[in-house]
Amino acid sequence: MKRLFVALELPDAVRRHLALLQAGVPGARWVEPENLHLTLRFIGEVEDGVLHDIDEALDAVSAPSFDLTLEGSGQFGTGTRARTLWAGVARSEGLIHLQQKVESALVRIGLPAEERKYTPHVSLARLHNAPPERLARFLAENGLFRAGPFRVDRFTLFLSHLGRGGALYEPLQDYALT
């Protein structure tokens, strides 16, 4: 079984900028800078034989390249149930178009459709009992965060290795945008 997802890799300068935000919240397990990415579609666990079908489907995706800007910050969950801190993404028709094309290609080969509404973001930290007042301070201090614009000219299929220290992400294949 392989645990897969499709994402945009971020330029090194953007990763460094995001890494500067990663402090000041007790209970946060910060994502390593080399693992920062923008997910287009989490696929999950698949049989080894399905990998070829996924690769072929993604290789057939045709979408134009586009510019992308990260902006703002937020959290998933509220109060003591907050579970993720993230950097937001400025509205991007190119990103939405690409995400829909990826989703459609994966559904066509028999993967179940994603039921959640797509909320583009870059996860900065997983939270465990983070104090709500420190989360509020982090969000207030980083509400005007901005990085980019940067050019998106490809997307990537990743393999996720789960381990004690968190996940390690291995790029398997890049797919060029036109």
N, C-alpha and C. Protein backbone atom coordinates (compact mmCIF):
# COMPACT_ATOMS: atom_id res chain seq x y z
N MET A 1 0.85 -1.19 0.00
CA MET A 1 0.00 0.00 0.00
C MET A 1 0.88 1.24 0.00
N LYS A 2 0.44 2.22 -0.74
CA LYS A 2 1.16 3.48 -0.81
C LYS A 2 0.20 4.61 -0.42
N ARG A 3 0.71 5.55 0.36
CA ARG A 3 -0.07 6.72 0.80
C ARG A 3 0.34 7.89 -0.09
N LEU A 4 -0.59 8.39 -0.90
CA LEU A 4 -0.28 9.37 -1.94
C LEU A 4 -1.07 10.66 -1.79
N PHE A 5 -0.49 11.73 -2.33
CA PHE A 5 -1.22 12.99 -2.49
C PHE A 5 -0.62 13.76 -3.66
N VAL A 6 -1.40 14.69 -4.19
CA VAL A 6 -0.98 15.54 -5.29
C VAL A 6 -0.87 16.96 -4.74
N ALA A 7 0.25 17.64 -5.06
CA ALA A 7 0.47 18.96 -4.46
C ALA A 7 1.34 19.83 -5.35
N LEU A 8 1.39 21.09 -4.96
CA LEU A 8 2.33 22.04 -5.55
C LEU A 8 3.51 22.15 -4.61
N GLU A 9 4.71 21.98 -5.15
CA GLU A 9 5.90 22.27 -4.36
C GLU A 9 6.07 23.78 -4.33
N LEU A 10 6.62 24.27 -3.25
CA LEU A 10 6.81 25.71 -3.09
C LEU A 10 8.26 26.08 -3.36
N PRO A 11 8.49 27.26 -3.95
CA PRO A 11 9.88 27.70 -4.15
C PRO A 11 10.60 27.82 -2.80
N ASP A 12 11.91 27.62 -2.82
CA ASP A 12 12.71 27.69 -1.59
C ASP A 12 12.52 29.01 -0.85
N ALA A 13 12.46 30.12 -1.57
CA ALA A 13 12.30 31.42 -0.92
C ALA A 13 10.97 31.51 -0.17
N VAL A 14 9.92 30.92 -0.73
CA VAL A 14 8.61 30.92 -0.07
C VAL A 14 8.65 30.02 1.16
N ARG A 15 9.30 28.88 1.06
CA ARG A 15 9.43 27.98 2.22
C ARG A 15 10.18 28.67 3.35
N ARG A 16 11.26 29.38 3.00
CA ARG A 16 12.02 30.10 4.04
C ARG A 16 11.15 31.17 4.69
N HIS A 17 10.36 31.87 3.90
CA HIS A 17 9.47 32.90 4.42
C HIS A 17 8.44 32.28 5.38
N LEU A 18 7.87 31.16 4.99
CA LEU A 18 6.90 30.46 5.84
C LEU A 18 7.56 29.96 7.13
N ALA A 19 8.78 29.47 7.03
CA ALA A 19 9.48 28.95 8.21
C ALA A 19 9.67 30.03 9.26
N LEU A 20 9.79 31.28 8.83
CA LEU A 20 9.95 32.38 9.79
C LEU A 20 8.70 32.59 10.64
N LEU A 21 7.56 32.11 10.17
CA LEU A 21 6.31 32.24 10.94
C LEU A 21 6.20 31.19 12.04
N GLN A 22 6.96 30.13 11.94
CA GLN A 22 6.76 28.94 12.75
C GLN A 22 7.37 29.05 14.15
N ALA A 23 6.68 29.78 15.00
CA ALA A 23 7.13 29.93 16.40
C ALA A 23 6.00 30.54 17.22
N GLY A 24 6.13 30.41 18.54
CA GLY A 24 5.26 31.14 19.45
C GLY A 24 3.95 30.48 19.83
N VAL A 25 3.77 29.22 19.46
CA VAL A 25 2.51 28.55 19.82
C VAL A 25 2.84 27.23 20.52
N PRO A 26 2.71 27.18 21.86
CA PRO A 26 2.90 25.91 22.57
C PRO A 26 1.90 24.87 22.06
N GLY A 27 2.34 23.64 21.97
CA GLY A 27 1.46 22.57 21.49
C GLY A 27 1.44 22.45 19.98
N ALA A 28 2.25 23.26 19.28
CA ALA A 28 2.32 23.18 17.83
C ALA A 28 3.46 22.26 17.42
N ARG A 29 3.18 21.33 16.52
CA ARG A 29 4.23 20.53 15.88
C ARG A 29 4.40 21.10 14.48
N TRP A 30 5.44 21.91 14.32
CA TRP A 30 5.65 22.65 13.09
C TRP A 30 6.08 21.72 11.95
N VAL A 31 5.56 21.99 10.77
CA VAL A 31 5.93 21.23 9.57
C VAL A 31 7.35 21.65 9.18
N GLU A 32 8.19 20.66 8.91
CA GLU A 32 9.56 20.96 8.48
C GLU A 32 9.51 21.74 7.17
N PRO A 33 10.37 22.75 7.02
CA PRO A 33 10.33 23.58 5.81
C PRO A 33 10.37 22.78 4.50
N GLU A 34 11.13 21.70 4.46
CA GLU A 34 11.21 20.91 3.22
C GLU A 34 9.90 20.17 2.93
N ASN A 35 9.01 20.06 3.91
CA ASN A 35 7.72 19.39 3.72
C ASN A 35 6.58 20.36 3.44
N LEU A 36 6.83 21.66 3.44
CA LEU A 36 5.77 22.63 3.17
C LEU A 36 5.34 22.52 1.70
N HIS A 37 4.04 22.43 1.47
CA HIS A 37 3.49 22.26 0.13
C HIS A 37 2.03 22.72 0.14
N LEU A 38 1.44 22.81 -1.03
CA LEU A 38 0.02 23.16 -1.16
C LEU A 38 -0.68 21.95 -1.80
N THR A 39 -1.48 21.26 -1.03
CA THR A 39 -2.15 20.05 -1.51
C THR A 39 -3.25 20.39 -2.51
N LEU A 40 -3.25 19.65 -3.61
CA LEU A 40 -4.35 19.74 -4.58
C LEU A 40 -5.37 18.65 -4.32
N ARG A 41 -4.88 17.45 -3.96
CA ARG A 41 -5.78 16.33 -3.69
C ARG A 41 -5.06 15.28 -2.85
N PHE A 42 -5.60 14.97 -1.67
CA PHE A 42 -5.10 13.86 -0.88
C PHE A 42 -5.75 12.60 -1.44
N ILE A 43 -4.94 11.64 -1.79
CA ILE A 43 -5.46 10.39 -2.36
C ILE A 43 -5.61 9.34 -1.27
N GLY A 44 -4.62 9.21 -0.41
CA GLY A 44 -4.67 8.23 0.66
C GLY A 44 -4.00 6.93 0.26
N GLU A 45 -4.34 5.87 0.97
CA GLU A 45 -3.73 4.55 0.77
C GLU A 45 -4.31 3.90 -0.49
N VAL A 46 -3.41 3.46 -1.37
CA VAL A 46 -3.83 2.74 -2.57
C VAL A 46 -2.94 1.51 -2.75
N GLU A 47 -3.47 0.53 -3.44
CA GLU A 47 -2.70 -0.66 -3.80
C GLU A 47 -1.60 -0.24 -4.78
N ASP A 48 -0.49 -0.96 -4.74
CA ASP A 48 0.64 -0.64 -5.61
C ASP A 48 0.23 -0.59 -7.08
N GLY A 49 -0.64 -1.48 -7.51
CA GLY A 49 -1.05 -1.53 -8.91
C GLY A 49 -1.81 -0.30 -9.38
N VAL A 50 -2.42 0.45 -8.47
CA VAL A 50 -3.20 1.63 -8.82
C VAL A 50 -2.28 2.82 -9.14
N LEU A 51 -1.05 2.77 -8.66
CA LEU A 51 -0.11 3.87 -8.88
C LEU A 51 0.06 4.18 -10.36
N HIS A 52 0.16 3.16 -11.19
CA HIS A 52 0.33 3.36 -12.64
C HIS A 52 -0.88 4.10 -13.22
N ASP A 53 -2.09 3.71 -12.80
CA ASP A 53 -3.30 4.38 -13.29
C ASP A 53 -3.34 5.84 -12.86
N ILE A 54 -2.93 6.10 -11.63
CA ILE A 54 -2.90 7.48 -11.13
C ILE A 54 -1.90 8.31 -11.93
N ASP A 55 -0.72 7.74 -12.17
CA ASP A 55 0.29 8.44 -12.95
C ASP A 55 -0.22 8.76 -14.35
N GLU A 56 -0.84 7.81 -15.01
CA GLU A 56 -1.37 8.05 -16.36
C GLU A 56 -2.45 9.12 -16.35
N ALA A 57 -3.34 9.07 -15.35
CA ALA A 57 -4.41 10.05 -15.26
C ALA A 57 -3.86 11.46 -15.05
N LEU A 58 -2.88 11.59 -14.17
CA LEU A 58 -2.29 12.91 -13.89
C LEU A 58 -1.48 13.40 -15.08
N ASP A 59 -0.83 12.50 -15.78
CA ASP A 59 -0.05 12.88 -16.96
C ASP A 59 -0.95 13.45 -18.06
N ALA A 60 -2.21 13.04 -18.07
CA ALA A 60 -3.16 13.53 -19.09
C ALA A 60 -3.79 14.87 -18.72
N VAL A 61 -3.57 15.36 -17.50
CA VAL A 61 -4.14 16.65 -17.08
C VAL A 61 -3.47 17.77 -17.88
N SER A 62 -4.30 18.59 -18.50
CA SER A 62 -3.79 19.73 -19.26
C SER A 62 -4.37 21.00 -18.66
N ALA A 63 -3.47 21.86 -18.19
CA ALA A 63 -3.89 23.13 -17.59
C ALA A 63 -2.76 24.14 -17.79
N PRO A 64 -3.11 25.42 -17.86
CA PRO A 64 -2.07 26.44 -18.04
C PRO A 64 -1.32 26.74 -16.74
N SER A 65 -0.07 27.18 -16.88
CA SER A 65 0.68 27.65 -15.72
C SER A 65 0.04 28.96 -15.23
N PHE A 66 0.35 29.35 -14.01
CA PHE A 66 -0.26 30.54 -13.41
C PHE A 66 0.62 31.06 -12.30
N ASP A 67 0.32 32.28 -11.86
CA ASP A 67 1.01 32.88 -10.72
C ASP A 67 0.16 32.66 -9.48
N LEU A 68 0.84 32.49 -8.34
CA LEU A 68 0.15 32.22 -7.08
C LEU A 68 0.78 33.06 -5.98
N THR A 69 -0.05 33.56 -5.09
CA THR A 69 0.40 34.33 -3.93
C THR A 69 -0.19 33.71 -2.68
N LEU A 70 0.65 33.52 -1.66
CA LEU A 70 0.16 33.10 -0.35
C LEU A 70 -0.15 34.35 0.44
N GLU A 71 -1.25 34.32 1.18
CA GLU A 71 -1.58 35.49 2.00
C GLU A 71 -2.46 35.10 3.17
N GLY A 72 -2.19 35.75 4.30
CA GLY A 72 -2.99 35.55 5.50
C GLY A 72 -2.66 34.25 6.21
N SER A 73 -3.33 34.04 7.32
CA SER A 73 -3.16 32.83 8.11
C SER A 73 -4.50 32.46 8.72
N GLY A 74 -4.61 31.23 9.16
CA GLY A 74 -5.86 30.78 9.76
C GLY A 74 -5.65 29.47 10.48
N GLN A 75 -6.75 28.90 10.92
CA GLN A 75 -6.70 27.62 11.63
C GLN A 75 -7.91 26.79 11.27
N PHE A 76 -7.74 25.48 11.33
CA PHE A 76 -8.87 24.55 11.23
C PHE A 76 -9.17 24.12 12.65
N GLY A 77 -10.44 24.17 13.01
CA GLY A 77 -10.87 23.90 14.37
C GLY A 77 -10.88 25.20 15.16
N THR A 78 -11.54 25.16 16.30
CA THR A 78 -11.64 26.38 17.13
C THR A 78 -11.33 26.07 18.58
N GLY A 79 -10.94 27.12 19.29
CA GLY A 79 -10.68 26.99 20.72
C GLY A 79 -9.67 25.90 21.02
N THR A 80 -9.99 25.07 22.01
CA THR A 80 -9.07 23.99 22.38
C THR A 80 -9.13 22.84 21.39
N ARG A 81 -10.03 22.91 20.43
CA ARG A 81 -10.12 21.86 19.40
C ARG A 81 -9.44 22.27 18.09
N ALA A 82 -8.70 23.36 18.11
CA ALA A 82 -7.94 23.75 16.92
C ALA A 82 -6.93 22.65 16.61
N ARG A 83 -6.82 22.28 15.34
CA ARG A 83 -5.96 21.16 14.99
C ARG A 83 -4.87 21.51 13.97
N THR A 84 -5.03 22.60 13.22
CA THR A 84 -4.04 22.96 12.21
C THR A 84 -3.92 24.47 12.09
N LEU A 85 -2.69 24.97 12.02
CA LEU A 85 -2.42 26.36 11.66
C LEU A 85 -1.98 26.37 10.21
N TRP A 86 -2.43 27.35 9.44
CA TRP A 86 -2.10 27.38 8.02
C TRP A 86 -1.86 28.79 7.50
N ALA A 87 -1.16 28.84 6.36
CA ALA A 87 -1.02 30.07 5.57
C ALA A 87 -2.03 29.97 4.44
N GLY A 88 -2.69 31.08 4.17
CA GLY A 88 -3.73 31.08 3.15
C GLY A 88 -3.20 31.33 1.76
N VAL A 89 -4.11 31.27 0.80
CA VAL A 89 -3.79 31.44 -0.61
C VAL A 89 -4.71 32.51 -1.18
N ALA A 90 -4.12 33.48 -1.89
CA ALA A 90 -4.93 34.50 -2.55
C ALA A 90 -5.78 33.83 -3.62
N ARG A 91 -6.94 34.41 -3.87
CA ARG A 91 -7.85 33.85 -4.88
C ARG A 91 -7.10 33.65 -6.19
N SER A 92 -7.25 32.45 -6.77
CA SER A 92 -6.53 32.11 -8.00
C SER A 92 -7.39 31.20 -8.86
N GLU A 93 -7.86 31.75 -9.97
CA GLU A 93 -8.65 30.93 -10.90
C GLU A 93 -7.79 29.79 -11.46
N GLY A 94 -6.50 30.06 -11.70
CA GLY A 94 -5.61 29.03 -12.21
C GLY A 94 -5.49 27.85 -11.26
N LEU A 95 -5.37 28.14 -9.97
CA LEU A 95 -5.27 27.08 -8.96
C LEU A 95 -6.56 26.26 -8.91
N ILE A 96 -7.69 26.93 -8.88
CA ILE A 96 -8.98 26.22 -8.81
C ILE A 96 -9.17 25.36 -10.06
N HIS A 97 -8.83 25.91 -11.22
CA HIS A 97 -8.95 25.15 -12.47
C HIS A 97 -8.09 23.88 -12.41
N LEU A 98 -6.83 24.02 -11.97
CA LEU A 98 -5.94 22.87 -11.87
C LEU A 98 -6.46 21.85 -10.88
N GLN A 99 -6.90 22.30 -9.73
CA GLN A 99 -7.40 21.37 -8.71
C GLN A 99 -8.61 20.59 -9.24
N GLN A 100 -9.50 21.26 -9.94
CA GLN A 100 -10.67 20.58 -10.50
C GLN A 100 -10.28 19.56 -11.56
N LYS A 101 -9.28 19.89 -12.37
CA LYS A 101 -8.81 18.96 -13.40
C LYS A 101 -8.19 17.71 -12.75
N VAL A 102 -7.39 17.92 -11.69
CA VAL A 102 -6.78 16.80 -10.98
C VAL A 102 -7.87 15.93 -10.36
N GLU A 103 -8.83 16.55 -9.69
CA GLU A 103 -9.93 15.81 -9.06
C GLU A 103 -10.68 14.99 -10.10
N SER A 104 -11.03 15.61 -11.21
CA SER A 104 -11.78 14.93 -12.26
C SER A 104 -11.01 13.74 -12.82
N ALA A 105 -9.71 13.91 -13.05
CA ALA A 105 -8.88 12.83 -13.60
C ALA A 105 -8.84 11.64 -12.65
N LEU A 106 -8.75 11.90 -11.35
CA LEU A 106 -8.67 10.81 -10.37
C LEU A 106 -10.02 10.10 -10.21
N VAL A 107 -11.10 10.84 -10.28
CA VAL A 107 -12.43 10.23 -10.18
C VAL A 107 -12.68 9.35 -11.41
N ARG A 108 -12.23 9.80 -12.58
CA ARG A 108 -12.43 9.02 -13.82
C ARG A 108 -11.77 7.65 -13.76
N ILE A 109 -10.70 7.49 -12.98
CA ILE A 109 -10.05 6.17 -12.90
C ILE A 109 -10.60 5.34 -11.73
N GLY A 110 -11.64 5.86 -11.07
CA GLY A 110 -12.31 5.06 -10.06
C GLY A 110 -12.03 5.42 -8.62
N LEU A 111 -11.22 6.46 -8.37
CA LEU A 111 -11.02 6.88 -6.98
C LEU A 111 -12.26 7.61 -6.50
N PRO A 112 -12.61 7.47 -5.22
CA PRO A 112 -13.79 8.18 -4.73
C PRO A 112 -13.58 9.70 -4.77
N ALA A 113 -14.65 10.42 -5.07
CA ALA A 113 -14.59 11.88 -5.12
C ALA A 113 -14.32 12.43 -3.71
N GLU A 114 -13.59 13.53 -3.67
CA GLU A 114 -13.35 14.23 -2.40
C GLU A 114 -14.67 14.87 -1.99
N GLU A 115 -15.10 14.62 -0.78
CA GLU A 115 -16.39 15.13 -0.31
C GLU A 115 -16.28 16.52 0.30
N ARG A 116 -15.09 16.88 0.80
CA ARG A 116 -14.92 18.19 1.42
C ARG A 116 -14.67 19.26 0.37
N LYS A 117 -15.15 20.46 0.65
CA LYS A 117 -14.89 21.59 -0.23
C LYS A 117 -13.39 21.89 -0.21
N TYR A 118 -12.84 22.18 -1.37
CA TYR A 118 -11.41 22.47 -1.47
C TYR A 118 -11.11 23.83 -0.84
N THR A 119 -10.21 23.82 0.13
CA THR A 119 -9.77 25.03 0.82
C THR A 119 -8.27 25.13 0.68
N PRO A 120 -7.79 25.86 -0.34
CA PRO A 120 -6.34 25.90 -0.55
C PRO A 120 -5.61 26.57 0.61
N HIS A 121 -4.53 25.91 1.07
CA HIS A 121 -3.75 26.40 2.20
C HIS A 121 -2.43 25.65 2.27
N VAL A 122 -1.51 26.17 3.03
CA VAL A 122 -0.25 25.49 3.32
C VAL A 122 -0.24 25.24 4.82
N SER A 123 -0.28 23.98 5.23
CA SER A 123 -0.26 23.65 6.66
C SER A 123 1.08 24.01 7.25
N LEU A 124 1.04 24.80 8.34
CA LEU A 124 2.26 25.22 9.03
C LEU A 124 2.53 24.38 10.26
N ALA A 125 1.45 23.94 10.95
CA ALA A 125 1.62 23.18 12.19
C ALA A 125 0.39 22.35 12.47
N ARG A 126 0.62 21.19 13.11
CA ARG A 126 -0.45 20.38 13.69
C ARG A 126 -0.50 20.79 15.15
N LEU A 127 -1.70 20.90 15.68
CA LEU A 127 -1.86 21.43 17.04
C LEU A 127 -2.36 20.35 17.99
N HIS A 128 -1.84 20.41 19.22
CA HIS A 128 -2.32 19.53 20.28
C HIS A 128 -2.41 20.36 21.56
N ASN A 129 -3.64 20.66 21.96
CA ASN A 129 -3.89 21.45 23.17
C ASN A 129 -3.17 22.80 23.15
N ALA A 130 -3.19 23.46 22.03
CA ALA A 130 -2.58 24.79 21.94
C ALA A 130 -3.48 25.79 22.66
N PRO A 131 -2.90 26.67 23.47
CA PRO A 131 -3.70 27.66 24.19
C PRO A 131 -4.41 28.61 23.21
N PRO A 132 -5.73 28.73 23.30
CA PRO A 132 -6.47 29.58 22.36
C PRO A 132 -5.96 31.02 22.29
N GLU A 133 -5.50 31.57 23.43
CA GLU A 133 -5.02 32.95 23.41
C GLU A 133 -3.72 33.07 22.61
N ARG A 134 -2.87 32.04 22.62
CA ARG A 134 -1.64 32.07 21.82
C ARG A 134 -1.95 31.89 20.33
N LEU A 135 -2.97 31.07 20.03
CA LEU A 135 -3.41 30.93 18.65
C LEU A 135 -3.94 32.26 18.13
N ALA A 136 -4.75 32.91 18.94
CA ALA A 136 -5.31 34.21 18.54
C ALA A 136 -4.20 35.21 18.28
N ARG A 137 -3.18 35.22 19.12
CA ARG A 137 -2.06 36.14 18.93
C ARG A 137 -1.32 35.81 17.63
N PHE A 138 -1.06 34.52 17.39
CA PHE A 138 -0.39 34.11 16.16
C PHE A 138 -1.17 34.59 14.94
N LEU A 139 -2.49 34.37 14.94
CA LEU A 139 -3.32 34.76 13.80
C LEU A 139 -3.34 36.27 13.62
N ALA A 140 -3.39 37.02 14.72
CA ALA A 140 -3.37 38.48 14.63
C ALA A 140 -2.04 38.98 14.08
N GLU A 141 -0.95 38.40 14.55
CA GLU A 141 0.38 38.84 14.11
C GLU A 141 0.68 38.45 12.67
N ASN A 142 0.02 37.42 12.16
CA ASN A 142 0.32 36.93 10.81
C ASN A 142 -0.84 37.07 9.84
N GLY A 143 -1.83 37.84 10.24
CA GLY A 143 -3.00 38.04 9.37
C GLY A 143 -2.68 38.75 8.07
N LEU A 144 -1.62 39.55 8.05
CA LEU A 144 -1.23 40.27 6.84
C LEU A 144 -0.07 39.59 6.11
N PHE A 145 0.26 38.35 6.49
CA PHE A 145 1.33 37.61 5.82
C PHE A 145 1.09 37.58 4.32
N ARG A 146 2.17 37.71 3.57
CA ARG A 146 2.09 37.64 2.11
C ARG A 146 3.42 37.12 1.57
N ALA A 147 3.36 36.17 0.64
CA ALA A 147 4.54 35.64 -0.04
C ALA A 147 4.20 35.41 -1.51
N GLY A 148 5.01 35.93 -2.38
CA GLY A 148 4.76 35.78 -3.81
C GLY A 148 4.47 37.12 -4.42
N PRO A 149 4.04 37.10 -5.65
CA PRO A 149 3.62 35.93 -6.42
C PRO A 149 4.81 35.11 -6.92
N PHE A 150 4.51 33.83 -7.17
CA PHE A 150 5.49 32.94 -7.77
C PHE A 150 4.79 32.14 -8.86
N ARG A 151 5.57 31.70 -9.82
CA ARG A 151 5.03 30.98 -10.98
C ARG A 151 4.84 29.51 -10.65
N VAL A 152 3.67 28.98 -10.99
CA VAL A 152 3.38 27.55 -10.85
C VAL A 152 3.37 26.97 -12.26
N ASP A 153 4.35 26.12 -12.56
CA ASP A 153 4.43 25.55 -13.90
C ASP A 153 4.41 24.02 -13.89
N ARG A 154 4.13 23.44 -12.72
CA ARG A 154 4.05 21.99 -12.60
C ARG A 154 3.33 21.62 -11.31
N PHE A 155 2.89 20.39 -11.23
CA PHE A 155 2.38 19.83 -9.98
C PHE A 155 3.01 18.46 -9.81
N THR A 156 2.89 17.90 -8.60
CA THR A 156 3.69 16.72 -8.25
C THR A 156 2.84 15.68 -7.52
N LEU A 157 3.10 14.42 -7.84
CA LEU A 157 2.54 13.28 -7.09
C LEU A 157 3.56 12.91 -6.02
N PHE A 158 3.11 12.87 -4.77
CA PHE A 158 3.98 12.57 -3.63
C PHE A 158 3.59 11.26 -2.97
N LEU A 159 4.61 10.59 -2.44
CA LEU A 159 4.45 9.44 -1.57
C LEU A 159 4.71 9.92 -0.15
N SER A 160 3.83 9.59 0.77
CA SER A 160 3.96 10.01 2.17
C SER A 160 4.38 8.82 3.01
N HIS A 161 5.55 8.96 3.67
CA HIS A 161 6.04 7.93 4.58
C HIS A 161 5.74 8.41 6.00
N LEU A 162 4.92 7.67 6.73
CA LEU A 162 4.60 8.05 8.11
C LEU A 162 5.63 7.44 9.05
N GLY A 163 6.14 8.26 9.97
CA GLY A 163 7.12 7.78 10.94
C GLY A 163 6.92 8.44 12.28
N ARG A 164 7.75 8.09 13.23
CA ARG A 164 7.63 8.64 14.59
C ARG A 164 7.80 10.15 14.63
N GLY A 165 8.70 10.66 13.81
CA GLY A 165 8.97 12.10 13.80
C GLY A 165 8.03 12.87 12.89
N GLY A 166 6.99 12.23 12.38
CA GLY A 166 6.07 12.88 11.44
C GLY A 166 6.23 12.27 10.06
N ALA A 167 5.58 12.86 9.10
CA ALA A 167 5.59 12.33 7.74
C ALA A 167 6.80 12.86 6.97
N LEU A 168 7.31 12.02 6.08
CA LEU A 168 8.31 12.43 5.11
C LEU A 168 7.67 12.31 3.74
N TYR A 169 7.86 13.32 2.91
CA TYR A 169 7.22 13.35 1.60
C TYR A 169 8.25 13.15 0.51
N GLU A 170 8.00 12.16 -0.34
CA GLU A 170 8.90 11.83 -1.44
C GLU A 170 8.21 12.15 -2.76
N PRO A 171 8.75 13.09 -3.54
CA PRO A 171 8.16 13.36 -4.85
C PRO A 171 8.37 12.15 -5.76
N LEU A 172 7.28 11.68 -6.38
CA LEU A 172 7.37 10.54 -7.28
C LEU A 172 7.43 10.97 -8.73
N GLN A 173 6.62 11.97 -9.09
CA GLN A 173 6.53 12.38 -10.48
C GLN A 173 6.04 13.82 -10.58
N ASP A 174 6.67 14.60 -11.46
CA ASP A 174 6.21 15.96 -11.76
C ASP A 174 5.41 15.94 -13.05
N TYR A 175 4.44 16.84 -13.14
CA TYR A 175 3.60 16.99 -14.32
C TYR A 175 3.62 18.44 -14.74
N ALA A 176 4.04 18.70 -15.96
CA ALA A 176 4.19 20.07 -16.44
C ALA A 176 2.85 20.70 -16.79
N LEU A 177 2.75 21.99 -16.52
CA LEU A 177 1.61 22.78 -16.97
C LEU A 177 2.02 23.50 -18.25
N THR A 178 1.05 23.85 -19.06
CA THR A 178 1.36 24.49 -20.35
C THR A 178 1.52 25.99 -20.23
